[in-house]
């Protein structure tokens, strides 16, 4: 994986979906744009079952989590976006969980002042949903209504939660998961994804930041 093909981008502008309706998560970061080599590598992970790639991608994502400024001195619950049980059985793994495992292993070394607790059992996807890639932004939001549930609210109540996924497109999945986590009592929800679908106006939202445009080749 050539570093030149994996340019780290820290865009601070809002994507169109976030401009229309500001998300409830505190902030989101991503490693790169969903195109070229990164897109191909994610496909190898998800559709060709090359699971060791998940750990490597998690290691690449870890430095971006530092930019989130998650408060120190308290545990951070790391929650991979879950697959529906039928999809997990069919695929044999959850790519977001593999990414989260690699990321947490790296963060435990680079940010030892925080307690990173990975759990794949906090969120549950109870309803099988249509593939998001074929839907409009509004269709994506409708598709995910009542899809996610928190299994045990006591595990997230008052906690900082870091939600991990492979791709951020319109943010519909991140929003849906964030909503149920906050309703269950999470103090804040942060989002980290390997890839973002938008190059310009990418999905990094900080309510304490003024939105600003950054050139597409920044990084």
N, C-alpha and C. Protein backbone atom coordinates (compact mmCIF):
# COMPACT_ATOMS: atom_id res chain seq x y z
N UNK A 1 0.85 -1.19 0.00
CA UNK A 1 0.00 0.00 0.00
C UNK A 1 0.88 1.24 0.00
N UNK A 2 0.95 1.89 -1.11
CA UNK A 2 1.82 3.06 -1.22
C UNK A 2 1.23 4.25 -0.48
N UNK A 3 2.07 4.89 0.31
CA UNK A 3 1.59 6.02 1.10
C UNK A 3 1.07 7.14 0.21
N UNK A 4 1.69 7.31 -0.98
CA UNK A 4 1.26 8.39 -1.88
C UNK A 4 -0.17 8.20 -2.34
N UNK A 5 -0.63 6.95 -2.37
CA UNK A 5 -2.01 6.68 -2.79
C UNK A 5 -2.99 6.79 -1.62
N UNK A 6 -2.43 6.95 -0.41
CA UNK A 6 -3.26 7.00 0.78
C UNK A 6 -3.10 8.35 1.48
N UNK A 7 -3.17 9.41 0.69
CA UNK A 7 -2.97 10.74 1.26
C UNK A 7 -3.98 11.00 2.36
N UNK A 8 -3.47 11.38 3.53
CA UNK A 8 -4.35 11.67 4.65
C UNK A 8 -4.98 13.02 4.44
N UNK A 9 -6.29 13.10 4.56
CA UNK A 9 -6.99 14.35 4.36
C UNK A 9 -7.71 14.75 5.63
N UNK A 10 -7.57 16.02 6.01
CA UNK A 10 -8.21 16.52 7.22
C UNK A 10 -9.08 17.71 6.86
N UNK A 11 -10.01 17.49 5.96
CA UNK A 11 -10.90 18.56 5.52
C UNK A 11 -11.84 18.96 6.64
N UNK A 12 -12.15 20.25 6.72
CA UNK A 12 -13.00 20.73 7.79
C UNK A 12 -14.32 21.30 7.28
N UNK A 13 -14.60 21.18 6.01
CA UNK A 13 -15.88 21.66 5.47
C UNK A 13 -16.97 20.63 5.67
N UNK A 14 -18.19 21.08 5.65
CA UNK A 14 -19.31 20.17 5.80
C UNK A 14 -19.72 19.60 4.46
N UNK A 15 -20.09 18.32 4.46
CA UNK A 15 -20.64 17.72 3.25
C UNK A 15 -22.06 18.26 3.07
N UNK A 16 -22.64 18.15 1.88
CA UNK A 16 -23.98 18.71 1.65
C UNK A 16 -25.03 18.19 2.63
N UNK A 17 -24.95 16.89 2.97
CA UNK A 17 -25.93 16.34 3.91
C UNK A 17 -25.81 16.97 5.28
N UNK A 18 -24.56 17.26 5.69
CA UNK A 18 -24.35 17.88 7.00
C UNK A 18 -24.73 19.35 7.00
N UNK A 19 -24.60 20.01 5.84
CA UNK A 19 -25.05 21.39 5.73
C UNK A 19 -26.56 21.46 5.91
N UNK A 20 -27.25 20.48 5.36
CA UNK A 20 -28.71 20.47 5.41
C UNK A 20 -29.21 20.15 6.81
N UNK A 21 -28.59 19.18 7.45
CA UNK A 21 -29.00 18.79 8.79
C UNK A 21 -27.76 18.41 9.59
N UNK A 22 -27.39 19.24 10.54
CA UNK A 22 -26.15 19.00 11.27
C UNK A 22 -26.25 17.71 12.08
N UNK A 23 -25.19 16.90 12.01
CA UNK A 23 -25.22 15.61 12.70
C UNK A 23 -25.11 15.76 14.21
N UNK A 24 -25.50 14.72 14.90
CA UNK A 24 -25.47 14.73 16.35
C UNK A 24 -24.13 14.26 16.91
N UNK A 25 -23.29 13.63 16.07
CA UNK A 25 -21.99 13.22 16.60
C UNK A 25 -21.10 14.45 16.77
N UNK A 26 -20.11 14.33 17.66
CA UNK A 26 -19.26 15.48 17.99
C UNK A 26 -18.36 15.86 16.84
N UNK A 27 -17.74 14.86 16.22
CA UNK A 27 -16.87 15.13 15.08
C UNK A 27 -16.58 13.82 14.37
N UNK A 28 -16.25 13.90 13.08
CA UNK A 28 -15.91 12.72 12.31
C UNK A 28 -14.60 12.94 11.57
N UNK A 29 -13.79 11.89 11.48
CA UNK A 29 -12.55 11.96 10.70
C UNK A 29 -12.46 10.73 9.80
N UNK A 30 -11.67 10.86 8.75
CA UNK A 30 -11.45 9.75 7.84
C UNK A 30 -10.01 9.73 7.39
N UNK A 31 -9.57 8.58 6.89
CA UNK A 31 -8.18 8.44 6.45
C UNK A 31 -7.98 8.95 5.02
N UNK A 32 -8.86 8.61 4.11
CA UNK A 32 -8.67 9.03 2.72
C UNK A 32 -9.97 9.01 1.95
N UNK A 33 -9.86 9.32 0.67
CA UNK A 33 -11.03 9.39 -0.21
C UNK A 33 -11.29 8.01 -0.82
N UNK A 34 -12.55 7.67 -0.95
CA UNK A 34 -12.95 6.36 -1.48
C UNK A 34 -12.80 6.34 -2.99
N UNK A 35 -11.57 6.15 -3.41
CA UNK A 35 -11.27 6.09 -4.83
C UNK A 35 -9.92 5.42 -5.02
N UNK A 36 -9.61 5.05 -6.23
CA UNK A 36 -8.29 4.52 -6.56
C UNK A 36 -7.90 3.31 -5.74
N UNK A 37 -6.67 3.34 -5.25
CA UNK A 37 -6.12 2.19 -4.52
C UNK A 37 -6.88 1.90 -3.23
N UNK A 38 -7.28 2.96 -2.52
CA UNK A 38 -8.00 2.74 -1.27
C UNK A 38 -9.33 2.03 -1.52
N UNK A 39 -10.03 2.43 -2.56
CA UNK A 39 -11.29 1.77 -2.92
C UNK A 39 -11.04 0.30 -3.24
N UNK A 40 -10.00 0.02 -4.01
CA UNK A 40 -9.70 -1.35 -4.36
C UNK A 40 -9.34 -2.21 -3.17
N UNK A 41 -8.60 -1.64 -2.24
CA UNK A 41 -8.19 -2.39 -1.05
C UNK A 41 -9.39 -2.68 -0.16
N UNK A 42 -10.28 -1.73 -0.02
CA UNK A 42 -11.50 -1.99 0.76
C UNK A 42 -12.34 -3.08 0.12
N UNK A 43 -12.39 -3.12 -1.20
CA UNK A 43 -13.13 -4.18 -1.89
C UNK A 43 -12.48 -5.55 -1.65
N UNK A 44 -11.15 -5.59 -1.62
CA UNK A 44 -10.47 -6.84 -1.32
C UNK A 44 -10.83 -7.34 0.08
N UNK A 45 -10.93 -6.42 1.01
CA UNK A 45 -11.31 -6.78 2.37
C UNK A 45 -12.75 -7.28 2.42
N UNK A 46 -13.67 -6.50 1.90
CA UNK A 46 -15.10 -6.80 2.06
C UNK A 46 -15.58 -7.95 1.20
N UNK A 47 -15.14 -8.00 -0.05
CA UNK A 47 -15.74 -8.94 -0.99
C UNK A 47 -14.84 -10.12 -1.36
N UNK A 48 -13.53 -10.00 -1.10
CA UNK A 48 -12.63 -11.10 -1.38
C UNK A 48 -12.10 -11.77 -0.11
N UNK A 49 -12.56 -11.29 1.04
CA UNK A 49 -12.23 -11.94 2.30
C UNK A 49 -10.78 -11.85 2.71
N UNK A 50 -10.05 -10.83 2.26
CA UNK A 50 -8.66 -10.67 2.66
C UNK A 50 -8.61 -9.94 4.00
N UNK A 51 -8.96 -10.67 5.06
CA UNK A 51 -9.17 -10.06 6.37
C UNK A 51 -7.94 -9.39 6.99
N UNK A 52 -6.70 -9.82 6.72
CA UNK A 52 -5.56 -9.10 7.32
C UNK A 52 -5.50 -7.63 6.92
N UNK A 53 -6.15 -7.28 5.81
CA UNK A 53 -6.18 -5.88 5.39
C UNK A 53 -6.88 -5.01 6.43
N UNK A 54 -7.87 -5.56 7.13
CA UNK A 54 -8.60 -4.80 8.13
C UNK A 54 -7.69 -4.23 9.20
N UNK A 55 -6.78 -5.04 9.70
CA UNK A 55 -5.85 -4.58 10.74
C UNK A 55 -4.96 -3.47 10.21
N UNK A 56 -4.47 -3.63 8.99
CA UNK A 56 -3.60 -2.61 8.40
C UNK A 56 -4.33 -1.29 8.22
N UNK A 57 -5.57 -1.36 7.76
CA UNK A 57 -6.35 -0.14 7.58
C UNK A 57 -6.62 0.53 8.93
N UNK A 58 -6.88 -0.27 9.96
CA UNK A 58 -7.08 0.28 11.29
C UNK A 58 -5.86 1.02 11.79
N UNK A 59 -4.68 0.48 11.49
CA UNK A 59 -3.44 1.15 11.88
C UNK A 59 -3.29 2.48 11.17
N UNK A 60 -3.71 2.54 9.90
CA UNK A 60 -3.63 3.79 9.15
C UNK A 60 -4.64 4.82 9.68
N UNK A 61 -5.76 4.35 10.17
CA UNK A 61 -6.80 5.25 10.66
C UNK A 61 -6.46 5.83 12.03
N UNK A 62 -5.71 5.09 12.83
CA UNK A 62 -5.44 5.49 14.22
C UNK A 62 -4.90 6.91 14.37
N UNK A 63 -3.93 7.36 13.57
CA UNK A 63 -3.43 8.73 13.76
C UNK A 63 -4.49 9.80 13.58
N UNK A 64 -5.51 9.52 12.77
CA UNK A 64 -6.56 10.51 12.55
C UNK A 64 -7.44 10.67 13.79
N UNK A 65 -7.52 9.63 14.59
CA UNK A 65 -8.33 9.69 15.82
C UNK A 65 -7.74 10.70 16.80
N UNK A 66 -6.43 10.87 16.75
CA UNK A 66 -5.79 11.85 17.63
C UNK A 66 -6.36 13.25 17.39
N UNK A 67 -6.71 13.54 16.13
CA UNK A 67 -7.24 14.86 15.78
C UNK A 67 -8.64 15.11 16.35
N UNK A 68 -9.29 14.07 16.85
CA UNK A 68 -10.64 14.24 17.38
C UNK A 68 -10.66 14.97 18.72
N UNK A 69 -9.54 15.00 19.43
CA UNK A 69 -9.47 15.66 20.74
C UNK A 69 -10.49 15.08 21.71
N UNK A 70 -10.61 13.77 21.72
CA UNK A 70 -11.49 13.11 22.69
C UNK A 70 -10.95 13.38 24.09
N UNK A 71 -11.79 13.80 25.04
CA UNK A 71 -11.30 14.13 26.39
C UNK A 71 -10.49 12.99 27.00
N UNK A 72 -9.35 13.35 27.59
CA UNK A 72 -8.49 12.36 28.23
C UNK A 72 -9.01 12.02 29.62
N UNK A 73 -8.47 10.96 30.20
CA UNK A 73 -8.77 10.60 31.58
C UNK A 73 -10.04 9.80 31.76
N UNK A 74 -10.61 9.30 30.68
CA UNK A 74 -11.81 8.49 30.81
C UNK A 74 -11.80 7.41 29.75
N UNK A 75 -12.52 6.31 29.96
CA UNK A 75 -12.53 5.26 28.95
C UNK A 75 -13.20 5.74 27.67
N UNK A 76 -12.75 5.17 26.56
CA UNK A 76 -13.38 5.41 25.26
C UNK A 76 -13.91 4.07 24.78
N UNK A 77 -15.23 3.99 24.61
CA UNK A 77 -15.85 2.77 24.13
C UNK A 77 -15.79 2.77 22.61
N UNK A 78 -15.07 1.84 22.02
CA UNK A 78 -14.92 1.77 20.57
C UNK A 78 -15.95 0.78 20.03
N UNK A 79 -16.84 1.27 19.19
CA UNK A 79 -17.98 0.48 18.71
C UNK A 79 -17.95 0.37 17.19
N UNK A 80 -17.69 -0.81 16.64
CA UNK A 80 -17.79 -0.97 15.19
C UNK A 80 -19.26 -0.96 14.75
N UNK A 81 -19.53 -0.37 13.61
CA UNK A 81 -20.89 -0.43 13.05
C UNK A 81 -21.21 -1.90 12.75
N UNK A 82 -22.30 -2.43 13.29
CA UNK A 82 -22.58 -3.86 13.12
C UNK A 82 -23.21 -4.20 11.77
N UNK A 83 -23.01 -5.43 11.35
CA UNK A 83 -23.73 -5.99 10.22
C UNK A 83 -24.96 -6.72 10.72
N UNK A 84 -25.95 -6.88 9.87
CA UNK A 84 -27.07 -7.74 10.23
C UNK A 84 -26.54 -9.16 10.38
N UNK A 85 -27.05 -9.94 11.35
CA UNK A 85 -26.54 -11.30 11.57
C UNK A 85 -26.47 -12.15 10.31
N UNK A 86 -27.47 -12.03 9.44
CA UNK A 86 -27.46 -12.83 8.20
C UNK A 86 -26.30 -12.41 7.30
N UNK A 87 -26.04 -11.11 7.21
CA UNK A 87 -24.93 -10.61 6.39
C UNK A 87 -23.60 -11.05 6.98
N UNK A 88 -23.50 -11.02 8.30
CA UNK A 88 -22.25 -11.45 8.93
C UNK A 88 -21.99 -12.94 8.69
N UNK A 89 -23.03 -13.74 8.80
CA UNK A 89 -22.84 -15.17 8.54
C UNK A 89 -22.41 -15.41 7.10
N UNK A 90 -23.01 -14.67 6.18
CA UNK A 90 -22.68 -14.83 4.77
C UNK A 90 -21.25 -14.40 4.47
N UNK A 91 -20.84 -13.26 5.04
CA UNK A 91 -19.50 -12.73 4.78
C UNK A 91 -18.45 -13.43 5.62
N UNK A 92 -18.82 -13.83 6.83
CA UNK A 92 -17.90 -14.51 7.72
C UNK A 92 -17.16 -13.59 8.66
N UNK A 93 -17.35 -12.30 8.54
CA UNK A 93 -16.68 -11.33 9.40
C UNK A 93 -17.36 -9.98 9.22
N UNK A 94 -17.08 -9.06 10.14
CA UNK A 94 -17.53 -7.68 10.02
C UNK A 94 -16.30 -6.83 9.75
N UNK A 95 -16.21 -6.24 8.58
CA UNK A 95 -15.03 -5.47 8.20
C UNK A 95 -14.78 -4.31 9.15
N UNK A 96 -15.84 -3.69 9.67
CA UNK A 96 -15.67 -2.56 10.58
C UNK A 96 -15.04 -3.01 11.90
N UNK A 97 -15.36 -4.21 12.33
CA UNK A 97 -14.76 -4.74 13.56
C UNK A 97 -13.28 -5.03 13.35
N UNK A 98 -12.91 -5.57 12.19
CA UNK A 98 -11.50 -5.83 11.92
C UNK A 98 -10.70 -4.53 11.88
N UNK A 99 -11.28 -3.51 11.27
CA UNK A 99 -10.63 -2.20 11.23
C UNK A 99 -10.48 -1.64 12.64
N UNK A 100 -11.54 -1.76 13.44
CA UNK A 100 -11.52 -1.23 14.81
C UNK A 100 -10.46 -1.94 15.65
N UNK A 101 -10.29 -3.24 15.46
CA UNK A 101 -9.28 -3.97 16.22
C UNK A 101 -7.87 -3.48 15.91
N UNK A 102 -7.57 -3.29 14.62
CA UNK A 102 -6.27 -2.76 14.26
C UNK A 102 -6.05 -1.36 14.77
N UNK A 103 -7.10 -0.54 14.72
CA UNK A 103 -7.02 0.83 15.19
C UNK A 103 -6.77 0.89 16.70
N UNK A 104 -7.52 0.10 17.45
CA UNK A 104 -7.38 0.11 18.91
C UNK A 104 -5.99 -0.37 19.33
N UNK A 105 -5.47 -1.39 18.67
CA UNK A 105 -4.13 -1.88 19.00
C UNK A 105 -3.10 -0.77 18.82
N UNK A 106 -3.25 0.02 17.76
CA UNK A 106 -2.32 1.12 17.52
C UNK A 106 -2.52 2.25 18.53
N UNK A 107 -3.77 2.55 18.85
CA UNK A 107 -4.06 3.64 19.78
C UNK A 107 -3.59 3.32 21.20
N UNK A 108 -3.63 2.07 21.58
CA UNK A 108 -3.16 1.69 22.92
C UNK A 108 -1.67 1.95 23.09
N UNK A 109 -0.96 2.02 21.98
CA UNK A 109 0.46 2.34 22.03
C UNK A 109 0.71 3.84 21.92
N UNK A 110 -0.02 4.50 21.02
CA UNK A 110 0.25 5.92 20.77
C UNK A 110 -0.51 6.86 21.70
N UNK A 111 -1.63 6.42 22.26
CA UNK A 111 -2.43 7.25 23.18
C UNK A 111 -2.74 6.44 24.43
N UNK A 112 -1.69 6.11 25.16
CA UNK A 112 -1.84 5.25 26.34
C UNK A 112 -2.51 5.96 27.50
N UNK A 113 -2.70 7.29 27.41
CA UNK A 113 -3.35 8.03 28.50
C UNK A 113 -4.85 7.81 28.50
N UNK A 114 -5.38 7.14 27.46
CA UNK A 114 -6.80 6.84 27.40
C UNK A 114 -7.00 5.33 27.45
N UNK A 115 -8.13 4.93 27.98
CA UNK A 115 -8.44 3.50 28.05
C UNK A 115 -9.39 3.15 26.91
N UNK A 116 -8.85 2.47 25.92
CA UNK A 116 -9.61 2.11 24.72
C UNK A 116 -10.25 0.74 24.93
N UNK A 117 -11.57 0.71 24.93
CA UNK A 117 -12.29 -0.55 25.18
C UNK A 117 -13.13 -0.89 23.96
N UNK A 118 -12.65 -1.88 23.22
CA UNK A 118 -13.36 -2.31 22.02
C UNK A 118 -14.47 -3.28 22.38
N UNK A 119 -15.66 -3.02 21.85
CA UNK A 119 -16.77 -3.95 22.06
C UNK A 119 -17.59 -4.05 20.79
N UNK A 120 -17.81 -5.27 20.36
CA UNK A 120 -18.64 -5.48 19.18
C UNK A 120 -20.06 -5.85 19.53
N UNK A 121 -20.42 -5.72 20.81
CA UNK A 121 -21.74 -6.17 21.25
C UNK A 121 -22.62 -5.06 21.78
N UNK A 122 -22.19 -3.81 21.69
CA UNK A 122 -23.01 -2.70 22.17
C UNK A 122 -24.15 -2.41 21.20
N UNK A 123 -23.83 -2.33 19.92
CA UNK A 123 -24.84 -2.04 18.90
C UNK A 123 -25.29 -3.31 18.21
N UNK A 124 -26.56 -3.34 17.85
CA UNK A 124 -27.13 -4.48 17.13
C UNK A 124 -27.90 -3.97 15.93
N UNK A 125 -27.72 -4.65 14.81
CA UNK A 125 -28.47 -4.32 13.60
C UNK A 125 -29.56 -5.37 13.46
N UNK A 126 -30.78 -5.01 13.84
CA UNK A 126 -31.86 -5.99 13.91
C UNK A 126 -32.61 -6.15 12.60
N UNK A 127 -32.52 -5.15 11.76
CA UNK A 127 -33.28 -5.20 10.51
C UNK A 127 -32.34 -5.23 9.32
N UNK A 128 -32.52 -6.24 8.47
CA UNK A 128 -31.73 -6.31 7.25
C UNK A 128 -32.12 -5.16 6.34
N UNK A 129 -31.14 -4.42 5.87
CA UNK A 129 -31.42 -3.23 5.07
C UNK A 129 -30.89 -3.42 3.65
N UNK A 130 -31.45 -2.63 2.75
CA UNK A 130 -30.99 -2.64 1.36
C UNK A 130 -29.59 -2.03 1.30
N UNK A 131 -28.82 -2.41 0.29
CA UNK A 131 -27.49 -1.84 0.12
C UNK A 131 -27.59 -0.33 -0.03
N UNK A 132 -26.82 0.40 0.79
CA UNK A 132 -26.87 1.86 0.77
C UNK A 132 -26.34 2.44 -0.55
N UNK A 133 -25.46 1.71 -1.23
CA UNK A 133 -24.81 2.25 -2.42
C UNK A 133 -25.78 2.55 -3.55
N UNK A 134 -26.95 1.93 -3.53
CA UNK A 134 -27.90 2.12 -4.63
C UNK A 134 -28.98 3.16 -4.30
N UNK A 135 -28.89 3.81 -3.17
CA UNK A 135 -29.95 4.69 -2.71
C UNK A 135 -29.55 6.16 -2.75
N UNK A 136 -30.56 7.02 -2.83
CA UNK A 136 -30.36 8.46 -2.72
C UNK A 136 -30.09 8.79 -1.24
N UNK A 137 -29.60 10.00 -0.94
CA UNK A 137 -29.40 10.37 0.46
C UNK A 137 -30.65 10.20 1.31
N UNK A 138 -31.80 10.64 0.80
CA UNK A 138 -33.04 10.47 1.56
C UNK A 138 -33.39 8.99 1.69
N UNK A 139 -33.16 8.23 0.63
CA UNK A 139 -33.41 6.80 0.67
C UNK A 139 -32.54 6.10 1.69
N UNK A 140 -31.30 6.55 1.82
CA UNK A 140 -30.39 5.98 2.82
C UNK A 140 -30.93 6.19 4.22
N UNK A 141 -31.44 7.40 4.48
CA UNK A 141 -31.96 7.69 5.81
C UNK A 141 -33.19 6.83 6.11
N UNK A 142 -34.09 6.71 5.14
CA UNK A 142 -35.28 5.87 5.34
C UNK A 142 -34.90 4.40 5.53
N UNK A 143 -33.90 3.99 4.79
CA UNK A 143 -33.47 2.59 4.81
C UNK A 143 -32.98 2.16 6.19
N UNK A 144 -32.43 3.12 6.96
CA UNK A 144 -31.81 2.79 8.25
C UNK A 144 -32.70 3.08 9.45
N UNK A 145 -33.91 3.56 9.21
CA UNK A 145 -34.79 3.83 10.34
C UNK A 145 -35.10 2.55 11.10
N UNK A 146 -34.93 2.61 12.39
CA UNK A 146 -35.21 1.47 13.28
C UNK A 146 -34.35 0.25 12.97
N UNK A 147 -33.19 0.48 12.36
CA UNK A 147 -32.31 -0.65 12.03
C UNK A 147 -31.36 -0.97 13.19
N UNK A 148 -30.94 0.05 13.95
CA UNK A 148 -29.93 -0.14 14.99
C UNK A 148 -30.54 -0.01 16.38
N UNK A 149 -30.02 -0.82 17.30
CA UNK A 149 -30.45 -0.79 18.70
C UNK A 149 -29.24 -0.95 19.60
N UNK A 150 -29.32 -0.36 20.79
CA UNK A 150 -28.29 -0.55 21.81
C UNK A 150 -28.72 -1.70 22.70
N UNK A 151 -27.89 -2.70 22.81
CA UNK A 151 -28.25 -3.90 23.57
C UNK A 151 -28.30 -3.64 25.08
N UNK A 152 -27.34 -2.87 25.59
CA UNK A 152 -27.25 -2.65 27.03
C UNK A 152 -26.87 -1.20 27.26
N UNK A 153 -27.86 -0.38 27.59
CA UNK A 153 -27.62 1.06 27.75
C UNK A 153 -26.63 1.35 28.87
N UNK A 154 -26.56 0.50 29.87
CA UNK A 154 -25.66 0.73 31.00
C UNK A 154 -24.20 0.77 30.57
N UNK A 155 -23.90 0.11 29.46
CA UNK A 155 -22.50 0.04 29.00
C UNK A 155 -22.04 1.31 28.32
N UNK A 156 -22.97 2.14 27.87
CA UNK A 156 -22.59 3.37 27.18
C UNK A 156 -23.00 4.63 27.95
N UNK A 157 -23.80 4.49 28.97
CA UNK A 157 -24.29 5.66 29.70
C UNK A 157 -23.13 6.48 30.27
N UNK A 158 -23.10 7.76 29.88
CA UNK A 158 -22.08 8.67 30.36
C UNK A 158 -20.71 8.47 29.74
N UNK A 159 -20.61 7.63 28.72
CA UNK A 159 -19.31 7.29 28.13
C UNK A 159 -19.04 8.05 26.84
N UNK A 160 -17.74 8.19 26.55
CA UNK A 160 -17.31 8.67 25.25
C UNK A 160 -17.30 7.47 24.31
N UNK A 161 -17.99 7.57 23.18
CA UNK A 161 -18.10 6.45 22.26
C UNK A 161 -17.47 6.82 20.93
N UNK A 162 -16.58 5.96 20.44
CA UNK A 162 -15.97 6.15 19.13
C UNK A 162 -16.54 5.11 18.18
N UNK A 163 -17.32 5.57 17.22
CA UNK A 163 -17.98 4.70 16.24
C UNK A 163 -17.04 4.51 15.05
N UNK A 164 -16.86 3.27 14.62
CA UNK A 164 -15.90 2.96 13.55
C UNK A 164 -16.62 2.28 12.40
N UNK A 165 -16.35 2.75 11.18
CA UNK A 165 -16.94 2.14 9.99
C UNK A 165 -15.91 2.18 8.86
N UNK A 166 -16.22 1.50 7.77
CA UNK A 166 -15.27 1.48 6.65
C UNK A 166 -15.41 2.70 5.76
N UNK A 167 -16.64 3.10 5.42
CA UNK A 167 -16.85 4.19 4.47
C UNK A 167 -17.91 5.16 4.99
N UNK A 168 -17.66 6.44 4.82
CA UNK A 168 -18.63 7.49 5.12
C UNK A 168 -19.05 8.09 3.79
N UNK A 169 -20.32 7.93 3.45
CA UNK A 169 -20.82 8.49 2.19
C UNK A 169 -21.63 9.74 2.49
N UNK A 170 -22.89 9.58 2.85
CA UNK A 170 -23.71 10.73 3.24
C UNK A 170 -23.79 10.89 4.75
N UNK A 171 -23.30 9.91 5.49
CA UNK A 171 -23.36 9.96 6.94
C UNK A 171 -24.62 9.35 7.52
N UNK A 172 -25.45 8.74 6.68
CA UNK A 172 -26.72 8.19 7.18
C UNK A 172 -26.49 7.10 8.23
N UNK A 173 -25.52 6.23 8.01
CA UNK A 173 -25.24 5.17 8.97
C UNK A 173 -24.70 5.75 10.27
N UNK A 174 -23.75 6.67 10.16
CA UNK A 174 -23.17 7.29 11.36
C UNK A 174 -24.24 8.03 12.15
N UNK A 175 -25.13 8.72 11.45
CA UNK A 175 -26.20 9.45 12.14
C UNK A 175 -27.15 8.49 12.87
N UNK A 176 -27.54 7.41 12.18
CA UNK A 176 -28.48 6.47 12.77
C UNK A 176 -27.89 5.82 14.02
N UNK A 177 -26.62 5.43 13.94
CA UNK A 177 -25.97 4.81 15.10
C UNK A 177 -25.79 5.82 16.23
N UNK A 178 -25.38 7.03 15.87
CA UNK A 178 -25.18 8.07 16.88
C UNK A 178 -26.48 8.35 17.63
N UNK A 179 -27.57 8.41 16.90
CA UNK A 179 -28.86 8.74 17.51
C UNK A 179 -29.23 7.74 18.60
N UNK A 180 -29.07 6.44 18.32
CA UNK A 180 -29.47 5.45 19.32
C UNK A 180 -28.48 5.41 20.47
N UNK A 181 -27.20 5.68 20.20
CA UNK A 181 -26.21 5.70 21.28
C UNK A 181 -26.46 6.87 22.24
N UNK A 182 -26.78 8.03 21.69
CA UNK A 182 -27.09 9.19 22.55
C UNK A 182 -28.37 8.97 23.34
N UNK A 183 -29.36 8.38 22.70
CA UNK A 183 -30.61 8.08 23.42
C UNK A 183 -30.38 7.10 24.55
N UNK A 184 -29.36 6.24 24.39
CA UNK A 184 -29.04 5.27 25.44
C UNK A 184 -28.20 5.89 26.55
N UNK A 185 -27.81 7.16 26.37
CA UNK A 185 -27.11 7.87 27.45
C UNK A 185 -25.64 8.15 27.22
N UNK A 186 -25.11 7.85 26.02
CA UNK A 186 -23.71 8.16 25.74
C UNK A 186 -23.46 9.66 25.90
N UNK A 187 -22.31 10.02 26.48
CA UNK A 187 -22.00 11.43 26.67
C UNK A 187 -21.73 12.13 25.35
N UNK A 188 -20.92 11.49 24.50
CA UNK A 188 -20.61 12.01 23.17
C UNK A 188 -20.31 10.83 22.26
N UNK A 189 -20.54 11.05 20.98
CA UNK A 189 -20.20 10.05 19.98
C UNK A 189 -19.29 10.70 18.96
N UNK A 190 -18.19 10.03 18.68
CA UNK A 190 -17.22 10.44 17.69
C UNK A 190 -17.23 9.40 16.57
N UNK A 191 -16.79 9.78 15.38
CA UNK A 191 -16.86 8.86 14.25
C UNK A 191 -15.51 8.82 13.54
N UNK A 192 -15.05 7.61 13.23
CA UNK A 192 -13.82 7.42 12.46
C UNK A 192 -14.08 6.40 11.36
N UNK A 193 -13.79 6.78 10.12
CA UNK A 193 -13.97 5.87 8.99
C UNK A 193 -12.69 5.85 8.17
N UNK A 194 -12.43 4.71 7.53
CA UNK A 194 -11.25 4.60 6.69
C UNK A 194 -11.37 5.53 5.48
N UNK A 195 -12.53 5.52 4.83
CA UNK A 195 -12.69 6.27 3.59
C UNK A 195 -13.91 7.18 3.64
N UNK A 196 -13.85 8.24 2.83
CA UNK A 196 -14.98 9.14 2.66
C UNK A 196 -15.30 9.22 1.18
N UNK A 197 -16.55 9.28 0.86
CA UNK A 197 -16.94 9.28 -0.55
C UNK A 197 -16.72 10.63 -1.20
N UNK A 198 -16.82 11.73 -0.42
CA UNK A 198 -16.67 13.05 -1.01
C UNK A 198 -15.24 13.52 -0.89
N UNK A 199 -14.70 14.06 -1.97
CA UNK A 199 -13.38 14.68 -1.90
C UNK A 199 -13.49 16.10 -1.37
N UNK A 200 -14.45 16.87 -1.88
CA UNK A 200 -14.65 18.24 -1.42
C UNK A 200 -15.83 18.27 -0.46
N UNK A 201 -15.74 19.12 0.53
CA UNK A 201 -16.80 19.21 1.52
C UNK A 201 -16.95 17.90 2.24
N UNK A 202 -15.85 17.29 2.62
CA UNK A 202 -15.88 15.95 3.19
C UNK A 202 -16.45 15.95 4.60
N UNK A 203 -16.68 14.74 5.08
CA UNK A 203 -17.47 14.58 6.30
C UNK A 203 -16.66 14.77 7.56
N UNK A 204 -16.23 15.97 7.81
CA UNK A 204 -15.61 16.29 9.09
C UNK A 204 -16.40 17.43 9.69
N UNK A 205 -17.07 17.17 10.77
CA UNK A 205 -17.94 18.18 11.36
C UNK A 205 -17.58 18.38 12.83
N UNK A 206 -17.28 19.59 13.18
CA UNK A 206 -16.97 19.95 14.56
C UNK A 206 -17.86 21.14 14.91
N UNK A 207 -18.77 21.01 15.88
CA UNK A 207 -19.68 22.11 16.20
C UNK A 207 -18.96 23.35 16.73
N UNK A 208 -17.70 23.21 17.16
CA UNK A 208 -16.94 24.36 17.65
C UNK A 208 -16.12 25.01 16.55
N UNK A 209 -16.25 24.51 15.35
CA UNK A 209 -15.47 24.97 14.20
C UNK A 209 -16.38 25.72 13.25
N UNK A 210 -15.91 26.75 12.62
CA UNK A 210 -16.65 27.35 11.50
C UNK A 210 -16.31 26.55 10.26
N UNK A 211 -17.32 26.25 9.45
CA UNK A 211 -17.05 25.50 8.22
C UNK A 211 -16.19 26.34 7.30
N UNK A 212 -15.21 25.68 6.68
CA UNK A 212 -14.36 26.39 5.73
C UNK A 212 -14.01 25.45 4.59
N UNK A 213 -13.82 26.00 3.43
CA UNK A 213 -13.48 25.22 2.26
C UNK A 213 -11.98 25.01 2.21
N UNK A 214 -11.57 23.78 1.95
CA UNK A 214 -10.17 23.44 1.83
C UNK A 214 -9.96 22.86 0.44
N UNK A 215 -8.90 23.20 -0.27
CA UNK A 215 -8.69 22.65 -1.60
C UNK A 215 -8.70 21.14 -1.60
N UNK A 216 -9.19 20.55 -2.69
CA UNK A 216 -9.34 19.11 -2.76
C UNK A 216 -8.01 18.39 -2.65
N UNK A 217 -6.89 19.02 -3.00
CA UNK A 217 -5.62 18.34 -2.94
C UNK A 217 -4.88 18.59 -1.64
N UNK A 218 -5.57 19.19 -0.66
CA UNK A 218 -4.94 19.41 0.63
C UNK A 218 -4.71 18.09 1.33
N UNK A 219 -3.70 18.00 2.14
CA UNK A 219 -3.46 16.77 2.87
C UNK A 219 -2.07 16.73 3.41
